[in-house]
Amino acid sequence: MHAVFSPCCNKKSLVFIPGCLLRSGSNILMACKDTQKQKSKGLRHFLPGIPDPDQNRIIPSSTPGNQVWQPEPHPPSSFLPNVSVPSGLEYLSQLDLIIIHQQVELLGMILGTETSNKYEIKNSLGQRIYFAVEESLCFNRTFCSTLRSCTLKITDNSDQEVITVNRPLRCNSCWCPCYLQELEIQAPPGTTVAYVAQKWDPFQPKFTIQNANKEDILKIVGPCATCGCFDDVDFEVKTINEKLTVGKISKYWSGFVNDVFTNADNFGIHVPADLDVTVKAAMIGACFLFDFMFFEHSLAGL
């Protein structure tokens, strides 16, 4: 403890300051000013509306190797994830399994004619979440058969249309490398969010899922033989380089009687729950395309 003169009173009084001894009045006055500056600088952090120029500086600590935390700069808005979900697709964000069940058309069974397809889209508990109906001309169904152009409208349980799948008239042959199959996915109707495009391959059915700008996102690779041989037929969903499997689309074998005498098919989409809902919507459209291309005829599902 050391004694110094205090400038705060006329009389010379003793003030005890630990660690130092100031001998003159000028030195004492300078010390008091420095103390006030330090206090005002410390209080400035608590005053509203006054920025702190030292806020983002790294201040070395007295202990070697320790530094005061510096906040990371915010990433540009272009790198932030898009959290907006198209209206009506909110429920898809919770699902890692989507089941698609084609309804049996008794009129088509009795008359042997091709009718418009109808599908129930369910969750893993078997609860219906969407309903899809094909809209196409009778002429196209009769003469273009499985290559026909059509529009599938998907509605929710309140009968509101949430997804529209447009399929134009295209070719489907391993000997024709151009003008192959393609689907356009709109969610909500009128807003294109994805495409499903067939890629030419002489041995395996291959497709790509594309975004609204027709940039490849994922690839779908099917088996060399889609007949199934009394078993499920799996189409694997992979990354573009085909090194990582993200999920799969399975055509379930429904049994001998059902596959021979009806066109009703069951599909299952296995995907990560956090996959983008627009990609899930595109995979639902891919199931419809696979049904038209590979399993529309009764004996094709065997």
C-alpha atoms as a PDB file:
ATOM      1  CA  MET A   1       0.000   0.000   0.000  1.00  0.00           C
ATOM      2  CA  HIS A   2       1.308   3.483  -0.945  1.00  0.00           C
ATOM      3  CA  ALA A   3       0.168   7.017  -0.001  1.00  0.00           C
ATOM      4  CA  VAL A   4      -0.556   9.732  -2.607  1.00  0.00           C
ATOM      5  CA  PHE A   5      -2.100  13.192  -2.593  1.00  0.00           C
ATOM      6  CA  SER A   6      -5.709  13.365  -3.742  1.00  0.00           C
ATOM      7  CA  PRO A   7      -6.700  16.165  -6.207  1.00  0.00           C
ATOM      8  CA  CYS A   8     -10.314  15.934  -5.167  1.00  0.00           C
ATOM      9  CA  CYS A   9      -9.971  18.176  -2.114  1.00  0.00           C
ATOM     10  CA  ASN A  10      -8.097  21.360  -1.168  1.00  0.00           C
ATOM     11  CA  LYS A  11      -6.296  19.822   1.707  1.00  0.00           C
ATOM     12  CA  LYS A  12      -3.613  17.321   1.146  1.00  0.00           C
ATOM     13  CA  SER A  13      -5.037  14.002   2.133  1.00  0.00           C
ATOM     14  CA  LEU A  14      -3.685  10.585   1.854  1.00  0.00           C
ATOM     15  CA  VAL A  15      -5.226   8.061  -0.523  1.00  0.00           C
ATOM     16  CA  PHE A  16      -4.007   4.524  -0.580  1.00  0.00           C
ATOM     17  CA  ILE A  17      -3.641   2.968  -4.064  1.00  0.00           C
ATOM     18  CA  PRO A  18      -2.266  -0.565  -4.262  1.00  0.00           C
ATOM     19  CA  GLY A  19       0.825  -1.119  -6.333  1.00  0.00           C
ATOM     20  CA  CYS A  20       1.972   2.466  -7.134  1.00  0.00           C
ATOM     21  CA  LEU A  21       3.001   5.839  -5.573  1.00  0.00           C
ATOM     22  CA  LEU A  22       2.307   9.164  -7.391  1.00  0.00           C
ATOM     23  CA  ARG A  23       4.404  11.997  -5.894  1.00  0.00           C
ATOM     24  CA  SER A  24       3.228  15.164  -7.693  1.00  0.00           C
ATOM     25  CA  GLY A  25      -0.165  16.807  -8.224  1.00  0.00           C
ATOM     26  CA  SER A  26       0.182  16.813 -12.039  1.00  0.00           C
ATOM     27  CA  ASN A  27       0.887  13.124 -12.074  1.00  0.00           C
ATOM     28  CA  ILE A  28      -2.125  12.534  -9.878  1.00  0.00           C
ATOM     29  CA  LEU A  29      -4.360  14.565 -12.200  1.00  0.00           C
ATOM     30  CA  MET A  30      -3.183  12.635 -15.276  1.00  0.00           C
ATOM     31  CA  ALA A  31      -3.797   9.356 -13.503  1.00  0.00           C
ATOM     32  CA  CYS A  32      -7.359  10.394 -12.658  1.00  0.00           C
ATOM     33  CA  LYS A  33      -8.051  11.395 -16.263  1.00  0.00           C
ATOM     34  CA  ASP A  34      -6.736   8.078 -17.543  1.00  0.00           C
ATOM     35  CA  THR A  35      -8.983   6.282 -15.076  1.00  0.00           C
ATOM     36  CA  GLN A  36     -12.037   8.248 -16.253  1.00  0.00           C
ATOM     37  CA  LYS A  37     -11.225   7.485 -19.887  1.00  0.00           C
ATOM     38  CA  GLN A  38     -11.020   3.792 -19.140  1.00  0.00           C
ATOM     39  CA  LYS A  39     -14.337   3.914 -17.294  1.00  0.00           C
ATOM     40  CA  SER A  40     -16.037   5.824 -20.093  1.00  0.00           C
ATOM     41  CA  LYS A  41     -14.639   3.371 -22.617  1.00  0.00           C
ATOM     42  CA  GLY A  42     -15.991   0.476 -20.577  1.00  0.00           C
ATOM     43  CA  LEU A  43     -19.416   2.097 -20.234  1.00  0.00           C
ATOM     44  CA  ARG A  44     -19.648   2.747 -23.951  1.00  0.00           C
ATOM     45  CA  HIS A  45     -20.404  -0.959 -24.517  1.00  0.00           C
ATOM     46  CA  PHE A  46     -23.607  -0.581 -22.504  1.00  0.00           C
ATOM     47  CA  LEU A  47     -24.888   2.624 -24.098  1.00  0.00           C
ATOM     48  CA  PRO A  48     -27.595   1.970 -26.736  1.00  0.00           C
ATOM     49  CA  GLY A  49     -26.957   3.237 -30.243  1.00  0.00           C
ATOM     50  CA  ILE A  50     -23.184   3.670 -29.858  1.00  0.00           C
ATOM     51  CA  PRO A  51     -21.146   1.240 -31.959  1.00  0.00           C
ATOM     52  CA  ASP A  52     -17.992  -0.240 -30.604  1.00  0.00           C
ATOM     53  CA  PRO A  53     -15.099  -0.066 -33.089  1.00  0.00           C
ATOM     54  CA  ASP A  54     -13.239  -2.758 -31.175  1.00  0.00           C
ATOM     55  CA  GLN A  55     -16.114  -5.230 -31.251  1.00  0.00           C
ATOM     56  CA  ASN A  56     -14.795  -7.342 -34.109  1.00  0.00           C
ATOM     57  CA  ARG A  57     -11.099  -7.089 -33.233  1.00  0.00           C
ATOM     58  CA  ILE A  58      -9.205  -9.996 -31.758  1.00  0.00           C
ATOM     59  CA  ILE A  59      -7.720  -8.749 -28.500  1.00  0.00           C
ATOM     60  CA  PRO A  60      -4.829 -10.761 -27.148  1.00  0.00           C
ATOM     61  CA  SER A  61      -5.298 -12.014 -23.630  1.00  0.00           C
ATOM     62  CA  SER A  62      -2.737 -11.889 -20.872  1.00  0.00           C
ATOM     63  CA  THR A  63      -2.583 -15.668 -21.000  1.00  0.00           C
ATOM     64  CA  PRO A  64      -0.540 -16.919 -23.967  1.00  0.00           C
ATOM     65  CA  GLY A  65      -2.551 -18.768 -26.613  1.00  0.00           C
ATOM     66  CA  ASN A  66      -5.960 -17.374 -25.532  1.00  0.00           C
ATOM     67  CA  GLN A  67      -7.940 -14.890 -27.645  1.00  0.00           C
ATOM     68  CA  VAL A  68     -11.194 -13.065 -27.220  1.00  0.00           C
ATOM     69  CA  TRP A  69     -13.964 -14.646 -29.367  1.00  0.00           C
ATOM     70  CA  GLN A  70     -14.626 -12.933 -32.703  1.00  0.00           C
ATOM     71  CA  PRO A  71     -18.074 -13.400 -34.336  1.00  0.00           C
ATOM     72  CA  GLU A  72     -18.019 -15.048 -37.734  1.00  0.00           C
ATOM     73  CA  PRO A  73     -19.198 -12.931 -40.666  1.00  0.00           C
ATOM     74  CA  HIS A  74     -22.666 -13.781 -41.958  1.00  0.00           C
ATOM     75  CA  PRO A  75     -22.660 -15.764 -45.213  1.00  0.00           C
ATOM     76  CA  PRO A  76     -24.096 -14.079 -48.309  1.00  0.00           C
ATOM     77  CA  SER A  77     -27.814 -14.564 -48.855  1.00  0.00           C
ATOM     78  CA  SER A  78     -27.121 -16.655 -51.967  1.00  0.00           C
ATOM     79  CA  PHE A  79     -25.551 -19.375 -49.789  1.00  0.00           C
ATOM     80  CA  LEU A  80     -28.388 -19.513 -47.263  1.00  0.00           C
ATOM     81  CA  PRO A  81     -30.694 -22.573 -47.609  1.00  0.00           C
ATOM     82  CA  ASN A  82     -34.051 -22.003 -49.211  1.00  0.00           C
ATOM     83  CA  VAL A  83     -36.554 -22.767 -46.477  1.00  0.00           C
ATOM     84  CA  SER A  84     -39.665 -21.870 -48.490  1.00  0.00           C
ATOM     85  CA  VAL A  85     -41.901 -24.841 -49.224  1.00  0.00           C
ATOM     86  CA  PRO A  86     -44.448 -24.767 -52.066  1.00  0.00           C
ATOM     87  CA  SER A  87     -47.988 -24.607 -50.815  1.00  0.00           C
ATOM     88  CA  GLY A  88     -49.481 -28.050 -50.266  1.00  0.00           C
ATOM     89  CA  LEU A  89     -46.136 -29.872 -50.024  1.00  0.00           C
ATOM     90  CA  GLU A  90     -45.503 -29.181 -46.342  1.00  0.00           C
ATOM     91  CA  TYR A  91     -46.446 -32.714 -45.326  1.00  0.00           C
ATOM     92  CA  LEU A  92     -43.856 -34.225 -47.679  1.00  0.00           C
ATOM     93  CA  SER A  93     -41.078 -32.709 -45.565  1.00  0.00           C
ATOM     94  CA  GLN A  94     -41.907 -35.194 -42.788  1.00  0.00           C
ATOM     95  CA  LEU A  95     -41.911 -38.377 -44.874  1.00  0.00           C
ATOM     96  CA  ASP A  96     -39.115 -40.840 -45.570  1.00  0.00           C
ATOM     97  CA  LEU A  97     -41.463 -43.400 -47.160  1.00  0.00           C
ATOM     98  CA  ILE A  98     -44.138 -42.588 -49.743  1.00  0.00           C
ATOM     99  CA  ILE A  99     -46.443 -45.342 -50.976  1.00  0.00           C
ATOM    100  CA  ILE A 100     -48.260 -45.046 -54.311  1.00  0.00           C
ATOM    101  CA  HIS A 101     -51.153 -47.425 -54.954  1.00  0.00           C
ATOM    102  CA  GLN A 102     -52.843 -47.583 -58.338  1.00  0.00           C
ATOM    103  CA  GLN A 103     -56.566 -48.106 -58.153  1.00  0.00           C
ATOM    104  CA  VAL A 104     -58.123 -51.010 -60.019  1.00  0.00           C
ATOM    105  CA  GLU A 105     -60.444 -49.970 -62.850  1.00  0.00           C
ATOM    106  CA  LEU A 106     -63.207 -52.568 -63.091  1.00  0.00           C
ATOM    107  CA  LEU A 107     -64.440 -51.176 -66.417  1.00  0.00           C
ATOM    108  CA  GLY A 108     -61.022 -51.627 -67.927  1.00  0.00           C
ATOM    109  CA  MET A 109     -60.845 -55.185 -66.614  1.00  0.00           C
ATOM    110  CA  ILE A 110     -64.249 -56.148 -68.033  1.00  0.00           C
ATOM    111  CA  LEU A 111     -64.014 -54.438 -71.424  1.00  0.00           C
ATOM    112  CA  GLY A 112     -60.267 -54.791 -71.845  1.00  0.00           C
ATOM    113  CA  THR A 113     -59.906 -51.088 -72.643  1.00  0.00           C
ATOM    114  CA  GLU A 114     -57.351 -48.586 -71.380  1.00  0.00           C
ATOM    115  CA  THR A 115     -58.861 -46.136 -68.920  1.00  0.00           C
ATOM    116  CA  SER A 116     -57.394 -43.135 -67.133  1.00  0.00           C
ATOM    117  CA  ASN A 117     -55.088 -44.106 -64.307  1.00  0.00           C
ATOM    118  CA  LYS A 118     -55.815 -43.131 -60.726  1.00  0.00           C
ATOM    119  CA  TYR A 119     -53.392 -43.330 -57.833  1.00  0.00           C
ATOM    120  CA  GLU A 120     -53.584 -43.030 -54.070  1.00  0.00           C
ATOM    121  CA  ILE A 121     -50.492 -41.538 -52.418  1.00  0.00           C
ATOM    122  CA  LYS A 122     -50.089 -42.651 -48.805  1.00  0.00           C
ATOM    123  CA  ASN A 123     -47.690 -42.366 -45.893  1.00  0.00           C
ATOM    124  CA  SER A 124     -45.993 -45.267 -44.140  1.00  0.00           C
ATOM    125  CA  LEU A 125     -49.124 -45.826 -41.997  1.00  0.00           C
ATOM    126  CA  GLY A 126     -51.307 -46.307 -45.054  1.00  0.00           C
ATOM    127  CA  GLN A 127     -53.099 -42.977 -44.633  1.00  0.00           C
ATOM    128  CA  ARG A 128     -53.950 -41.207 -47.855  1.00  0.00           C
ATOM    129  CA  ILE A 129     -52.319 -37.807 -48.216  1.00  0.00           C
ATOM    130  CA  TYR A 130     -52.810 -37.136 -51.954  1.00  0.00           C
ATOM    131  CA  PHE A 131     -54.865 -38.441 -54.839  1.00  0.00           C
ATOM    132  CA  ALA A 132     -53.708 -38.397 -58.474  1.00  0.00           C
ATOM    133  CA  VAL A 133     -55.916 -38.586 -61.572  1.00  0.00           C
ATOM    134  CA  GLU A 134     -54.776 -38.874 -65.172  1.00  0.00           C
ATOM    135  CA  GLU A 135     -56.299 -36.549 -67.744  1.00  0.00           C
ATOM    136  CA  SER A 136     -55.857 -37.769 -71.322  1.00  0.00           C
ATOM    137  CA  LEU A 137     -57.808 -38.278 -74.525  1.00  0.00           C
ATOM    138  CA  CYS A 138     -59.382 -41.625 -75.336  1.00  0.00           C
ATOM    139  CA  PHE A 139     -57.709 -41.464 -78.740  1.00  0.00           C
ATOM    140  CA  ASN A 140     -54.268 -41.150 -77.123  1.00  0.00           C
ATOM    141  CA  ARG A 141     -54.918 -44.005 -74.698  1.00  0.00           C
ATOM    142  CA  THR A 142     -56.117 -46.243 -77.546  1.00  0.00           C
ATOM    143  CA  PHE A 143     -53.558 -45.561 -80.256  1.00  0.00           C
ATOM    144  CA  CYS A 144     -50.533 -44.206 -78.364  1.00  0.00           C
ATOM    145  CA  SER A 145     -50.929 -46.628 -75.479  1.00  0.00           C
ATOM    146  CA  THR A 146     -48.108 -46.272 -72.927  1.00  0.00           C
ATOM    147  CA  LEU A 147     -46.411 -43.474 -74.898  1.00  0.00           C
ATOM    148  CA  ARG A 148     -49.466 -41.215 -74.673  1.00  0.00           C
ATOM    149  CA  SER A 149     -49.269 -37.616 -73.597  1.00  0.00           C
ATOM    150  CA  CYS A 150     -51.211 -36.850 -70.448  1.00  0.00           C
ATOM    151  CA  THR A 151     -51.509 -34.654 -67.391  1.00  0.00           C
ATOM    152  CA  LEU A 152     -51.702 -36.014 -63.863  1.00  0.00           C
ATOM    153  CA  LYS A 153     -53.319 -33.740 -61.319  1.00  0.00           C
ATOM    154  CA  ILE A 154     -52.493 -34.421 -57.682  1.00  0.00           C
ATOM    155  CA  THR A 155     -54.892 -33.106 -55.037  1.00  0.00           C
ATOM    156  CA  ASP A 156     -54.788 -33.153 -51.252  1.00  0.00           C
ATOM    157  CA  ASN A 157     -57.527 -34.401 -48.939  1.00  0.00           C
ATOM    158  CA  SER A 158     -59.344 -31.063 -49.226  1.00  0.00           C
ATOM    159  CA  ASP A 159     -59.507 -31.519 -53.031  1.00  0.00           C
ATOM    160  CA  GLN A 160     -57.026 -28.700 -53.664  1.00  0.00           C
ATOM    161  CA  GLU A 161     -54.632 -29.297 -56.546  1.00  0.00           C
ATOM    162  CA  VAL A 162     -51.061 -29.116 -55.234  1.00  0.00           C
ATOM    163  CA  ILE A 163     -48.974 -30.817 -57.961  1.00  0.00           C
ATOM    164  CA  THR A 164     -49.348 -31.039 -61.724  1.00  0.00           C
ATOM    165  CA  VAL A 165     -47.357 -33.570 -63.757  1.00  0.00           C
ATOM    166  CA  ASN A 166     -47.193 -32.964 -67.512  1.00  0.00           C
ATOM    167  CA  ARG A 167     -46.066 -35.742 -69.825  1.00  0.00           C
ATOM    168  CA  PRO A 168     -45.610 -34.927 -73.523  1.00  0.00           C
ATOM    169  CA  LEU A 169     -45.640 -37.485 -76.335  1.00  0.00           C
ATOM    170  CA  ARG A 170     -42.099 -38.854 -76.576  1.00  0.00           C
ATOM    171  CA  CYS A 171     -40.163 -41.878 -77.811  1.00  0.00           C
ATOM    172  CA  ASN A 172     -39.177 -44.861 -75.686  1.00  0.00           C
ATOM    173  CA  SER A 173     -36.588 -47.097 -77.281  1.00  0.00           C
ATOM    174  CA  CYS A 174     -33.014 -48.057 -76.527  1.00  0.00           C
ATOM    175  CA  TRP A 175     -32.337 -47.679 -80.280  1.00  0.00           C
ATOM    176  CA  CYS A 176     -33.488 -44.062 -80.345  1.00  0.00           C
ATOM    177  CA  PRO A 177     -31.102 -41.726 -78.490  1.00  0.00           C
ATOM    178  CA  CYS A 178     -33.168 -38.580 -79.036  1.00  0.00           C
ATOM    179  CA  TYR A 179     -36.563 -37.192 -78.062  1.00  0.00           C
ATOM    180  CA  LEU A 180     -36.738 -39.453 -75.010  1.00  0.00           C
ATOM    181  CA  GLN A 181     -39.239 -39.414 -72.166  1.00  0.00           C
ATOM    182  CA  GLU A 182     -39.625 -36.319 -69.994  1.00  0.00           C
ATOM    183  CA  LEU A 183     -41.898 -35.072 -67.227  1.00  0.00           C
ATOM    184  CA  GLU A 184     -42.511 -31.554 -65.991  1.00  0.00           C
ATOM    185  CA  ILE A 185     -43.377 -31.123 -62.299  1.00  0.00           C
ATOM    186  CA  GLN A 186     -45.322 -28.046 -61.224  1.00  0.00           C
ATOM    187  CA  ALA A 187     -45.913 -27.193 -57.561  1.00  0.00           C
ATOM    188  CA  PRO A 188     -48.123 -25.290 -57.144  1.00  0.00           C
ATOM    189  CA  PRO A 189     -49.755 -25.682 -60.577  1.00  0.00           C
ATOM    190  CA  GLY A 190     -48.286 -23.156 -62.990  1.00  0.00           C
ATOM    191  CA  THR A 191     -44.870 -23.007 -61.281  1.00  0.00           C
ATOM    192  CA  THR A 192     -42.300 -25.447 -62.630  1.00  0.00           C
ATOM    193  CA  VAL A 193     -40.032 -26.809 -59.890  1.00  0.00           C
ATOM    194  CA  ALA A 194     -38.453 -29.924 -61.427  1.00  0.00           C
ATOM    195  CA  TYR A 195     -38.107 -32.230 -64.410  1.00  0.00           C
ATOM    196  CA  VAL A 196     -37.594 -35.968 -64.846  1.00  0.00           C
ATOM    197  CA  ALA A 197     -35.674 -36.720 -68.051  1.00  0.00           C
ATOM    198  CA  GLN A 198     -34.713 -40.052 -69.563  1.00  0.00           C
ATOM    199  CA  LYS A 199     -31.056 -40.505 -70.505  1.00  0.00           C
ATOM    200  CA  TRP A 200     -30.111 -42.797 -73.341  1.00  0.00           C
ATOM    201  CA  ASP A 201     -28.437 -46.038 -72.337  1.00  0.00           C
ATOM    202  CA  PRO A 202     -28.485 -49.305 -74.326  1.00  0.00           C
ATOM    203  CA  PHE A 203     -28.438 -51.556 -71.259  1.00  0.00           C
ATOM    204  CA  GLN A 204     -30.127 -49.895 -68.273  1.00  0.00           C
ATOM    205  CA  PRO A 205     -33.005 -47.471 -67.853  1.00  0.00           C
ATOM    206  CA  LYS A 206     -31.497 -44.199 -66.623  1.00  0.00           C
ATOM    207  CA  PHE A 207     -33.170 -40.933 -65.687  1.00  0.00           C
ATOM    208  CA  THR A 208     -32.135 -37.659 -64.113  1.00  0.00           C
ATOM    209  CA  ILE A 209     -34.006 -35.403 -61.741  1.00  0.00           C
ATOM    210  CA  GLN A 210     -33.483 -31.778 -62.739  1.00  0.00           C
ATOM    211  CA  ASN A 211     -34.312 -28.483 -61.095  1.00  0.00           C
ATOM    212  CA  ALA A 212     -36.401 -25.723 -62.668  1.00  0.00           C
ATOM    213  CA  ASN A 213     -33.383 -24.627 -64.751  1.00  0.00           C
ATOM    214  CA  LYS A 214     -32.928 -28.178 -66.101  1.00  0.00           C
ATOM    215  CA  GLU A 215     -29.723 -28.686 -64.130  1.00  0.00           C
ATOM    216  CA  ASP A 216     -29.103 -32.291 -63.068  1.00  0.00           C
ATOM    217  CA  ILE A 217     -29.571 -32.937 -59.333  1.00  0.00           C
ATOM    218  CA  LEU A 218     -29.876 -36.696 -58.941  1.00  0.00           C
ATOM    219  CA  LYS A 219     -29.785 -39.751 -61.154  1.00  0.00           C
ATOM    220  CA  ILE A 220     -32.141 -42.739 -61.190  1.00  0.00           C
ATOM    221  CA  VAL A 221     -30.729 -46.070 -62.363  1.00  0.00           C
ATOM    222  CA  GLY A 222     -32.976 -49.053 -62.979  1.00  0.00           C
ATOM    223  CA  PRO A 223     -32.213 -52.747 -63.423  1.00  0.00           C
ATOM    224  CA  CYS A 224     -31.372 -54.313 -66.763  1.00  0.00           C
ATOM    225  CA  ALA A 225     -34.601 -56.346 -66.613  1.00  0.00           C
ATOM    226  CA  THR A 226     -37.727 -54.680 -65.238  1.00  0.00           C
ATOM    227  CA  CYS A 227     -39.915 -57.786 -65.360  1.00  0.00           C
ATOM    228  CA  GLY A 228     -39.156 -58.431 -61.677  1.00  0.00           C
ATOM    229  CA  CYS A 229     -39.378 -62.245 -61.903  1.00  0.00           C
ATOM    230  CA  PHE A 230     -41.936 -62.446 -59.079  1.00  0.00           C
ATOM    231  CA  ASP A 231     -39.958 -59.958 -56.981  1.00  0.00           C
ATOM    232  CA  ASP A 232     -39.728 -56.221 -56.347  1.00  0.00           C
ATOM    233  CA  VAL A 233     -38.101 -54.013 -58.976  1.00  0.00           C
ATOM    234  CA  ASP A 234     -35.800 -51.346 -57.538  1.00  0.00           C
ATOM    235  CA  PHE A 235     -34.739 -48.104 -59.195  1.00  0.00           C
ATOM    236  CA  GLU A 236     -31.850 -46.638 -57.219  1.00  0.00           C
ATOM    237  CA  VAL A 237     -31.623 -42.893 -56.699  1.00  0.00           C
ATOM    238  CA  LYS A 238     -27.984 -41.834 -56.797  1.00  0.00           C
ATOM    239  CA  THR A 239     -25.787 -38.801 -56.986  1.00  0.00           C
ATOM    240  CA  ILE A 240     -24.759 -37.560 -60.428  1.00  0.00           C
ATOM    241  CA  ASN A 241     -21.487 -39.505 -60.373  1.00  0.00           C
ATOM    242  CA  GLU A 242     -23.419 -42.636 -59.274  1.00  0.00           C
ATOM    243  CA  LYS A 243     -21.067 -43.213 -56.333  1.00  0.00           C
ATOM    244  CA  LEU A 244     -23.580 -42.621 -53.525  1.00  0.00           C
ATOM    245  CA  THR A 245     -27.098 -44.031 -53.237  1.00  0.00           C
ATOM    246  CA  VAL A 246     -29.562 -41.510 -51.807  1.00  0.00           C
ATOM    247  CA  GLY A 247     -32.745 -43.594 -51.909  1.00  0.00           C
ATOM    248  CA  LYS A 248     -34.747 -45.895 -54.127  1.00  0.00           C
ATOM    249  CA  ILE A 249     -38.045 -46.263 -55.930  1.00  0.00           C
ATOM    250  CA  SER A 250     -39.467 -49.774 -55.651  1.00  0.00           C
ATOM    251  CA  LYS A 251     -42.216 -51.389 -57.672  1.00  0.00           C
ATOM    252  CA  TYR A 252     -43.696 -53.911 -55.258  1.00  0.00           C
ATOM    253  CA  TRP A 253     -44.738 -57.297 -56.548  1.00  0.00           C
ATOM    254  CA  SER A 254     -48.470 -57.543 -55.840  1.00  0.00           C
ATOM    255  CA  GLY A 255     -48.918 -61.229 -56.474  1.00  0.00           C
ATOM    256  CA  PHE A 256     -49.504 -63.405 -59.525  1.00  0.00           C
ATOM    257  CA  VAL A 257     -53.275 -62.902 -59.840  1.00  0.00           C
ATOM    258  CA  ASN A 258     -53.163 -59.133 -59.398  1.00  0.00           C
ATOM    259  CA  ASP A 259     -50.298 -58.608 -61.840  1.00  0.00           C
ATOM    260  CA  VAL A 260     -51.764 -60.854 -64.561  1.00  0.00           C
ATOM    261  CA  PHE A 261     -55.404 -59.750 -64.507  1.00  0.00           C
ATOM    262  CA  THR A 262     -55.098 -56.066 -63.514  1.00  0.00           C
ATOM    263  CA  ASN A 263     -52.906 -53.066 -64.230  1.00  0.00           C
ATOM    264  CA  ALA A 264     -52.878 -51.980 -60.588  1.00  0.00           C
ATOM    265  CA  ASP A 265     -49.352 -51.393 -59.324  1.00  0.00           C
ATOM    266  CA  ASN A 266     -47.852 -50.447 -55.986  1.00  0.00           C
ATOM    267  CA  PHE A 267     -44.735 -48.303 -55.602  1.00  0.00           C
ATOM    268  CA  GLY A 268     -42.662 -47.251 -52.639  1.00  0.00           C
ATOM    269  CA  ILE A 269     -40.352 -44.237 -52.494  1.00  0.00           C
ATOM    270  CA  HIS A 270     -37.598 -44.524 -49.879  1.00  0.00           C
ATOM    271  CA  VAL A 271     -35.828 -41.192 -49.336  1.00  0.00           C
ATOM    272  CA  PRO A 272     -34.200 -39.225 -46.502  1.00  0.00           C
ATOM    273  CA  ALA A 273     -36.783 -37.249 -44.561  1.00  0.00           C
ATOM    274  CA  ASP A 274     -34.810 -34.016 -44.998  1.00  0.00           C
ATOM    275  CA  LEU A 275     -34.684 -34.268 -48.793  1.00  0.00           C
ATOM    276  CA  ASP A 276     -36.059 -31.229 -50.611  1.00  0.00           C
ATOM    277  CA  VAL A 277     -39.830 -31.518 -51.080  1.00  0.00           C
ATOM    278  CA  THR A 278     -39.592 -30.540 -54.754  1.00  0.00           C
ATOM    279  CA  VAL A 279     -37.271 -33.506 -55.316  1.00  0.00           C
ATOM    280  CA  LYS A 280     -39.764 -35.755 -53.519  1.00  0.00           C
ATOM    281  CA  ALA A 281     -42.507 -34.407 -55.783  1.00  0.00           C
ATOM    282  CA  ALA A 282     -40.311 -35.187 -58.802  1.00  0.00           C
ATOM    283  CA  MET A 283     -39.829 -38.758 -57.542  1.00  0.00           C
ATOM    284  CA  ILE A 284     -43.602 -39.155 -57.274  1.00  0.00           C
ATOM    285  CA  GLY A 285     -43.819 -38.089 -60.905  1.00  0.00           C
ATOM    286  CA  ALA A 286     -41.036 -40.561 -61.748  1.00  0.00           C
ATOM    287  CA  CYS A 287     -43.192 -43.372 -60.300  1.00  0.00           C
ATOM    288  CA  PHE A 288     -45.991 -42.456 -62.711  1.00  0.00           C
ATOM    289  CA  LEU A 289     -43.527 -42.432 -65.601  1.00  0.00           C
ATOM    290  CA  PHE A 290     -42.125 -45.846 -64.657  1.00  0.00           C
ATOM    291  CA  ASP A 291     -45.639 -47.240 -64.431  1.00  0.00           C
ATOM    292  CA  PHE A 292     -46.420 -46.045 -67.967  1.00  0.00           C
ATOM    293  CA  MET A 293     -43.121 -47.199 -69.444  1.00  0.00           C
ATOM    294  CA  PHE A 294     -42.513 -50.567 -67.776  1.00  0.00           C
ATOM    295  CA  PHE A 295     -45.596 -51.853 -65.905  1.00  0.00           C
ATOM    296  CA  GLU A 296     -48.691 -50.613 -67.739  1.00  0.00           C
ATOM    297  CA  HIS A 297     -49.417 -53.933 -69.426  1.00  0.00           C
ATOM    298  CA  SER A 298     -50.619 -56.741 -67.199  1.00  0.00           C
ATOM    299  CA  LEU A 299     -47.821 -59.214 -67.848  1.00  0.00           C
ATOM    300  CA  ALA A 300     -45.111 -56.571 -67.537  1.00  0.00           C
ATOM    301  CA  GLY A 301     -45.164 -56.700 -63.769  1.00  0.00           C
ATOM    302  CA  LEU A 302     -44.261 -60.356 -63.493  1.00  0.00           C
END
